[in-house]
Amino acid sequence: MNFYVMTLFPEMVLQGVNTSITGRGIKAGAISVEAFHIRDYTLDKHGKTEDAPYGGGVGLVMQAQPIWDCYQAVLKRIEENHCASEQTPGDQSDAPEDNDGSSQEQMAVCGRAPGKPRVLYMSPQGRVFDQQFAEELAKEEDLVMLCGHYEGVDERVLELMDAEEVSIGDYVLTGGELPAMVMIDCISRLVPGVLGKIESAEVETFTDHLIEYPQYSRPEVFMDKRVPEVLLSGHHANVDKWRREQSIERTLRKRPDLLETAVLTLSKKELKFLDELKLRVAMEEQEEDADEEEELIPGAPDGI
């Protein structure tokens, strides 16, 4: 999978993604990340990529021309990469041209655009990025990401690129580089060959719309807290059952909003467990409310 990031701070992106798991994925050839410096494509002699907004107002707006020309360079690179991946030893680059011009035909096929890539614009106004969206994007071969700055980007270039606005949360950052890196990290984990074991990505928070079960490691006892006995039993079926129930309970307590979809993945036994759990949680909440009400009632005076 290939990521192409259009940014004013390419070194920030590359330094971030070339570490840890994404860095190993890049070295292994499972993913590639290229950063294109938008400022390299401006026609302004002073290197400007931004200007005041039409209609007045505070701040600056990133101009359409540098972004559009940068995008054209990205499209060219995608063509080159597709062409290189399709070539085989002794193909059109070395073969003599046949009388029927087959070598020229091969070159034409190689140089043809592989189809319009999906373009994502990092924006707080866009669709919220979540695990399901990541799974959708992980099926793409090429993803182009535009990192905005200042007050935003000239709307016309977004329309020309047919860019999708994507947000990592309801807050505003100084630029789109961090959201792009967050998305690359999340999506890359779903690309075969990036993680050491594919099951590492299959059983995690938000898989089946459930929160992941709690994890424990050595020692068995830490600060008088013991590892749950079931995890020490060696009984894999019981461990799996405990973990599944813990995921359901954590989801109910921490992210009940996920249950509306999660229930579709639960078995009959798990649905029964969820119903019993809801009753227990409701009773706990009633007890807590009662305790709070008692604390609010002033104590009776001494001697009465």
Protein backbone atom coordinates (compact mmCIF):
# COMPACT_ATOMS: atom_id res chain seq x y z
CA MET A 1 0.00 0.00 0.00
CA ASN A 2 1.28 3.45 -0.92
CA PHE A 3 0.70 6.73 0.93
CA TYR A 4 1.44 10.07 -0.77
CA VAL A 5 1.36 13.03 1.59
CA MET A 6 1.17 16.61 0.30
CA THR A 7 2.49 18.87 3.04
CA LEU A 8 4.43 22.00 3.97
CA PHE A 9 6.44 19.94 6.48
CA PRO A 10 7.59 16.72 4.76
CA GLU A 11 10.36 16.08 7.30
CA MET A 12 7.79 16.03 10.11
CA VAL A 13 5.78 13.31 8.38
CA LEU A 14 8.74 11.17 7.34
CA GLN A 15 10.42 11.31 10.73
CA GLY A 16 7.18 10.19 12.34
CA VAL A 17 6.28 7.28 10.07
CA ASN A 18 9.80 5.89 9.73
CA THR A 19 9.81 4.73 13.35
CA SER A 20 8.27 1.83 15.26
CA ILE A 21 5.85 -0.49 13.45
CA THR A 22 5.23 1.74 10.43
CA GLY A 23 8.99 2.10 10.00
CA ARG A 24 9.39 -1.67 9.98
CA GLY A 25 6.52 -1.95 7.51
CA ILE A 26 8.28 0.49 5.19
CA LYS A 27 11.58 -1.40 5.43
CA ALA A 28 9.76 -4.67 4.75
CA GLY A 29 8.13 -3.20 1.63
CA ALA A 30 4.59 -3.75 2.92
CA ILE A 31 3.86 -0.01 2.73
CA SER A 32 5.53 3.06 1.28
CA VAL A 33 5.18 6.67 2.40
CA GLU A 34 6.28 9.58 0.23
CA ALA A 35 6.01 13.21 1.29
CA PHE A 36 5.68 15.94 -1.34
CA HIS A 37 6.67 19.47 -0.32
CA ILE A 38 3.91 21.76 -1.58
CA ARG A 39 6.26 24.76 -1.49
CA ASP A 40 8.39 23.12 -4.20
CA TYR A 41 5.55 23.64 -6.67
CA THR A 42 4.67 27.30 -6.13
CA LEU A 43 5.23 29.75 -8.97
CA ASP A 44 5.77 32.61 -6.55
CA LYS A 45 9.38 33.80 -6.58
CA HIS A 46 9.33 34.17 -2.79
CA GLY A 47 8.05 30.63 -2.28
CA LYS A 48 4.62 31.67 -1.02
CA THR A 49 1.89 29.06 -0.92
CA GLU A 50 -0.73 31.14 0.90
CA ASP A 51 -2.50 34.48 0.60
CA ALA A 52 -5.24 36.57 2.18
CA PRO A 53 -8.82 35.27 1.72
CA TYR A 54 -11.17 36.92 -0.76
CA GLY A 55 -13.94 38.77 1.04
CA GLY A 56 -11.68 39.71 3.92
CA GLY A 57 -11.18 38.07 7.26
CA VAL A 58 -8.34 37.00 9.48
CA GLY A 59 -5.58 34.57 8.60
CA LEU A 60 -4.36 33.14 5.32
CA VAL A 61 -5.61 30.54 2.86
CA MET A 62 -3.45 27.96 1.07
CA GLN A 63 -3.54 28.74 -2.65
CA ALA A 64 -4.86 26.38 -5.29
CA GLN A 65 -1.95 26.51 -7.76
CA PRO A 66 0.85 25.02 -5.63
CA ILE A 67 -1.44 22.27 -4.36
CA TRP A 68 -2.74 21.44 -7.83
CA ASP A 69 0.75 21.25 -9.32
CA CYS A 70 1.91 19.15 -6.37
CA TYR A 71 -1.05 16.84 -6.97
CA GLN A 72 -0.03 16.45 -10.62
CA ALA A 73 3.44 15.42 -9.45
CA VAL A 74 1.85 12.85 -7.14
CA LEU A 75 -0.21 11.42 -10.00
CA LYS A 76 2.93 11.14 -12.12
CA ARG A 77 4.74 9.32 -9.31
CA ILE A 78 1.84 6.90 -8.92
CA GLU A 79 2.01 6.13 -12.65
CA GLU A 80 5.76 5.57 -12.39
CA ASN A 81 5.37 3.25 -9.42
CA HIS A 82 2.64 1.23 -11.12
CA CYS A 83 4.72 1.02 -14.26
CA ALA A 84 7.76 -0.18 -12.32
CA SER A 85 5.72 -2.84 -10.51
CA GLU A 86 4.30 -4.17 -13.80
CA GLN A 87 7.65 -4.46 -15.55
CA THR A 88 9.42 -7.80 -15.79
CA PRO A 89 13.05 -8.56 -16.75
CA GLY A 90 13.61 -8.23 -20.47
CA ASP A 91 10.35 -6.41 -21.16
CA GLN A 92 9.78 -3.32 -23.34
CA SER A 93 12.81 -1.43 -22.03
CA ASP A 94 15.19 -4.05 -23.52
CA ALA A 95 13.12 -5.67 -26.25
CA PRO A 96 13.49 -4.44 -29.84
CA GLU A 97 10.43 -2.93 -31.41
CA ASP A 98 8.45 -5.40 -33.50
CA ASN A 99 7.18 -4.50 -36.93
CA ASP A 100 3.65 -4.29 -35.56
CA GLY A 101 4.72 -1.73 -32.93
CA SER A 102 3.96 -4.04 -29.97
CA SER A 103 6.77 -2.49 -27.93
CA GLN A 104 5.20 0.97 -28.30
CA GLU A 105 1.85 -0.51 -27.29
CA GLN A 106 3.42 -1.94 -24.12
CA MET A 107 4.90 1.45 -23.30
CA ALA A 108 1.51 3.07 -23.75
CA VAL A 109 -0.08 0.59 -21.38
CA CYS A 110 2.70 1.09 -18.85
CA GLY A 111 2.35 4.86 -18.99
CA ARG A 112 -1.42 4.88 -18.61
CA ALA A 113 -2.76 6.23 -15.35
CA PRO A 114 -3.79 3.39 -12.99
CA GLY A 115 -7.04 5.14 -12.12
CA LYS A 116 -7.78 8.15 -9.97
CA PRO A 117 -6.44 7.64 -6.45
CA ARG A 118 -8.52 8.42 -3.41
CA VAL A 119 -7.64 11.88 -2.04
CA LEU A 120 -8.12 12.69 1.64
CA TYR A 121 -8.00 16.24 3.01
CA MET A 122 -7.31 16.49 6.73
CA SER A 123 -10.11 18.73 8.03
CA PRO A 124 -12.12 19.06 11.28
CA GLN A 125 -15.20 19.43 9.07
CA GLY A 126 -14.90 15.98 7.55
CA ARG A 127 -16.08 12.46 8.19
CA VAL A 128 -14.77 11.21 11.52
CA PHE A 129 -11.99 8.66 11.14
CA ASP A 130 -12.66 5.41 13.00
CA GLN A 131 -11.66 1.75 12.82
CA GLN A 132 -14.31 0.88 10.24
CA PHE A 133 -13.17 3.75 8.03
CA ALA A 134 -9.59 2.53 8.43
CA GLU A 135 -10.61 -0.94 7.29
CA GLU A 136 -12.27 0.60 4.25
CA LEU A 137 -9.19 2.66 3.35
CA ALA A 138 -6.84 -0.28 3.89
CA LYS A 139 -8.32 -1.88 0.77
CA GLU A 140 -6.94 0.93 -1.39
CA GLU A 141 -3.62 0.55 -3.18
CA ASP A 142 -2.84 4.28 -3.25
CA LEU A 143 -3.95 7.01 -0.84
CA VAL A 144 -3.19 10.70 -1.34
CA MET A 145 -3.34 12.90 1.77
CA LEU A 146 -3.43 16.69 1.80
CA CYS A 147 -2.30 18.46 4.98
CA GLY A 148 -3.81 21.92 5.30
CA HIS A 149 -2.60 24.90 7.32
CA TYR A 150 -3.68 28.41 8.26
CA GLU A 151 -7.41 29.02 7.73
CA GLY A 152 -7.71 26.20 5.23
CA VAL A 153 -7.36 25.46 1.52
CA ASP A 154 -8.81 27.15 -1.55
CA GLU A 155 -12.09 25.30 -2.12
CA ARG A 156 -11.55 25.07 -5.88
CA VAL A 157 -8.56 22.76 -5.67
CA LEU A 158 -10.45 20.45 -3.30
CA GLU A 159 -13.23 20.22 -5.86
CA LEU A 160 -10.79 19.58 -8.71
CA MET A 161 -9.14 16.74 -6.80
CA ASP A 162 -12.51 15.43 -5.60
CA ALA A 163 -11.00 15.38 -2.11
CA GLU A 164 -12.78 13.74 0.82
CA GLU A 165 -12.55 15.68 4.07
CA VAL A 166 -11.53 13.51 7.02
CA SER A 167 -11.32 14.42 10.72
CA ILE A 168 -9.65 12.59 13.60
CA GLY A 169 -11.79 14.41 16.17
CA ASP A 170 -13.78 17.49 17.05
CA TYR A 171 -10.86 19.80 17.74
CA VAL A 172 -8.58 22.06 15.72
CA LEU A 173 -4.85 21.50 15.18
CA THR A 174 -2.22 23.77 13.63
CA GLY A 175 -1.91 21.54 10.57
CA GLY A 176 -2.87 18.26 8.96
CA GLU A 177 0.42 16.44 9.46
CA LEU A 178 -0.47 14.83 12.81
CA PRO A 179 -3.88 13.60 11.58
CA ALA A 180 -2.20 12.18 8.46
CA MET A 181 0.33 10.31 10.60
CA VAL A 182 -2.42 9.01 12.89
CA MET A 183 -4.31 7.67 9.88
CA ILE A 184 -1.21 6.14 8.28
CA ASP A 185 -0.39 4.37 11.54
CA CYS A 186 -3.93 3.01 11.96
CA ILE A 187 -4.39 1.94 8.34
CA SER A 188 -0.92 0.38 8.08
CA ARG A 189 -1.67 -2.03 10.91
CA LEU A 190 -4.33 -3.57 8.68
CA VAL A 191 -1.97 -4.10 5.73
CA PRO A 192 -0.57 -7.65 5.52
CA GLY A 193 3.12 -7.78 6.38
CA VAL A 194 3.18 -4.72 8.65
CA LEU A 195 2.44 -6.45 11.96
CA GLY A 196 4.37 -9.51 13.03
CA LYS A 197 1.21 -11.59 13.38
CA ILE A 198 -2.03 -10.80 11.56
CA GLU A 199 -4.05 -11.81 14.66
CA SER A 200 -2.53 -8.80 16.43
CA ALA A 201 -4.79 -6.63 14.30
CA GLU A 202 -7.76 -8.96 14.37
CA VAL A 203 -8.39 -8.98 18.13
CA GLU A 204 -8.19 -5.38 19.28
CA THR A 205 -10.41 -2.60 20.54
CA PHE A 206 -13.29 -1.89 18.12
CA THR A 207 -13.04 -5.31 16.48
CA ASP A 208 -16.67 -6.50 16.33
CA HIS A 209 -17.44 -3.04 17.75
CA LEU A 210 -16.26 -4.19 21.18
CA ILE A 211 -13.58 -2.79 23.46
CA GLU A 212 -10.62 -5.11 23.97
CA TYR A 213 -10.36 -7.23 27.11
CA PRO A 214 -7.80 -6.35 29.85
CA GLN A 215 -4.23 -7.60 29.41
CA TYR A 216 -1.80 -8.94 32.02
CA SER A 217 1.86 -10.00 32.07
CA ARG A 218 4.45 -11.17 34.62
CA PRO A 219 4.71 -11.16 37.60
CA GLU A 220 1.59 -12.99 38.79
CA VAL A 221 1.30 -10.65 41.77
CA PHE A 222 2.07 -6.93 41.69
CA MET A 223 1.35 -4.59 44.62
CA ASP A 224 -0.96 -7.28 46.09
CA LYS A 225 -2.93 -7.45 42.84
CA ARG A 226 -3.12 -10.89 41.24
CA VAL A 227 -3.58 -11.90 37.64
CA PRO A 228 -7.07 -13.43 37.17
CA GLU A 229 -6.86 -17.16 37.86
CA VAL A 230 -8.54 -18.12 34.60
CA LEU A 231 -5.54 -16.74 32.67
CA LEU A 232 -3.23 -19.04 34.61
CA SER A 233 -5.38 -22.13 34.13
CA GLY A 234 -4.12 -23.10 30.68
CA HIS A 235 -7.73 -23.85 29.67
CA HIS A 236 -7.95 -22.04 26.34
CA ALA A 237 -11.73 -22.29 25.99
CA ASN A 238 -12.26 -20.74 29.41
CA VAL A 239 -9.72 -18.03 28.67
CA ASP A 240 -11.45 -17.17 25.39
CA LYS A 241 -14.86 -17.08 27.13
CA TRP A 242 -13.52 -14.83 29.92
CA ARG A 243 -11.90 -12.47 27.45
CA ARG A 244 -15.04 -12.21 25.35
CA GLU A 245 -17.19 -11.47 28.42
CA GLN A 246 -14.67 -8.89 29.61
CA SER A 247 -14.87 -7.18 26.20
CA ILE A 248 -18.65 -7.07 26.42
CA GLU A 249 -18.59 -5.72 29.98
CA ARG A 250 -15.97 -3.07 29.21
CA THR A 251 -17.97 -1.94 26.20
CA LEU A 252 -21.14 -1.63 28.27
CA ARG A 253 -19.39 0.33 30.99
CA LYS A 254 -17.09 2.53 28.89
CA ARG A 255 -18.64 2.80 25.42
CA PRO A 256 -22.31 1.76 25.56
CA ASP A 257 -22.86 3.63 22.29
CA LEU A 258 -21.03 0.81 20.49
CA LEU A 259 -23.42 -1.89 21.66
CA GLU A 260 -26.15 -1.04 19.16
CA THR A 261 -23.92 -2.46 16.42
CA ALA A 262 -21.94 -4.90 18.58
CA VAL A 263 -25.05 -6.94 19.50
CA LEU A 264 -25.25 -8.09 15.89
CA THR A 265 -22.02 -10.05 16.39
CA LEU A 266 -22.95 -11.68 19.72
CA SER A 267 -24.08 -15.28 20.17
CA LYS A 268 -27.25 -16.22 22.06
CA LYS A 269 -25.21 -17.03 25.18
CA GLU A 270 -23.39 -13.70 24.92
CA LEU A 271 -26.66 -11.82 24.50
CA LYS A 272 -27.98 -13.53 27.63
CA PHE A 273 -24.78 -12.57 29.46
CA LEU A 274 -25.23 -8.97 28.27
CA ASP A 275 -28.82 -8.84 29.55
CA GLU A 276 -27.73 -10.14 32.96
CA LEU A 277 -24.85 -7.69 32.97
CA LYS A 278 -27.15 -4.77 32.22
CA LEU A 279 -29.32 -5.68 35.23
CA ARG A 280 -26.25 -5.90 37.46
CA VAL A 281 -24.88 -2.57 36.23
CA ALA A 282 -28.29 -0.92 36.72
CA MET A 283 -28.43 -2.20 40.33
CA GLU A 284 -24.91 -0.89 40.96
CA GLU A 285 -25.89 2.52 39.62
CA GLN A 286 -29.00 2.59 41.85
CA GLU A 287 -26.87 1.77 44.88
CA GLU A 288 -24.41 4.52 43.98
CA ASP A 289 -27.24 7.03 43.58
CA ALA A 290 -28.66 6.03 46.95
CA ASP A 291 -25.25 6.48 48.59
CA GLU A 292 -24.91 9.95 47.04
CA GLU A 293 -28.36 10.99 48.30
CA GLU A 294 -27.47 9.87 51.83
CA GLU A 295 -24.32 12.00 51.73
CA LEU A 296 -26.40 15.06 50.77
CA ILE A 297 -28.77 14.66 53.77
CA PRO A 298 -27.32 16.56 56.76
CA GLY A 299 -26.67 14.40 59.83
CA ALA A 300 -29.08 14.60 62.77
CA PRO A 301 -27.94 16.80 65.70
CA ASP A 302 -26.28 15.02 68.62
CA GLY A 303 -28.67 13.86 71.34
CA ILE A 304 -31.69 13.37 69.07
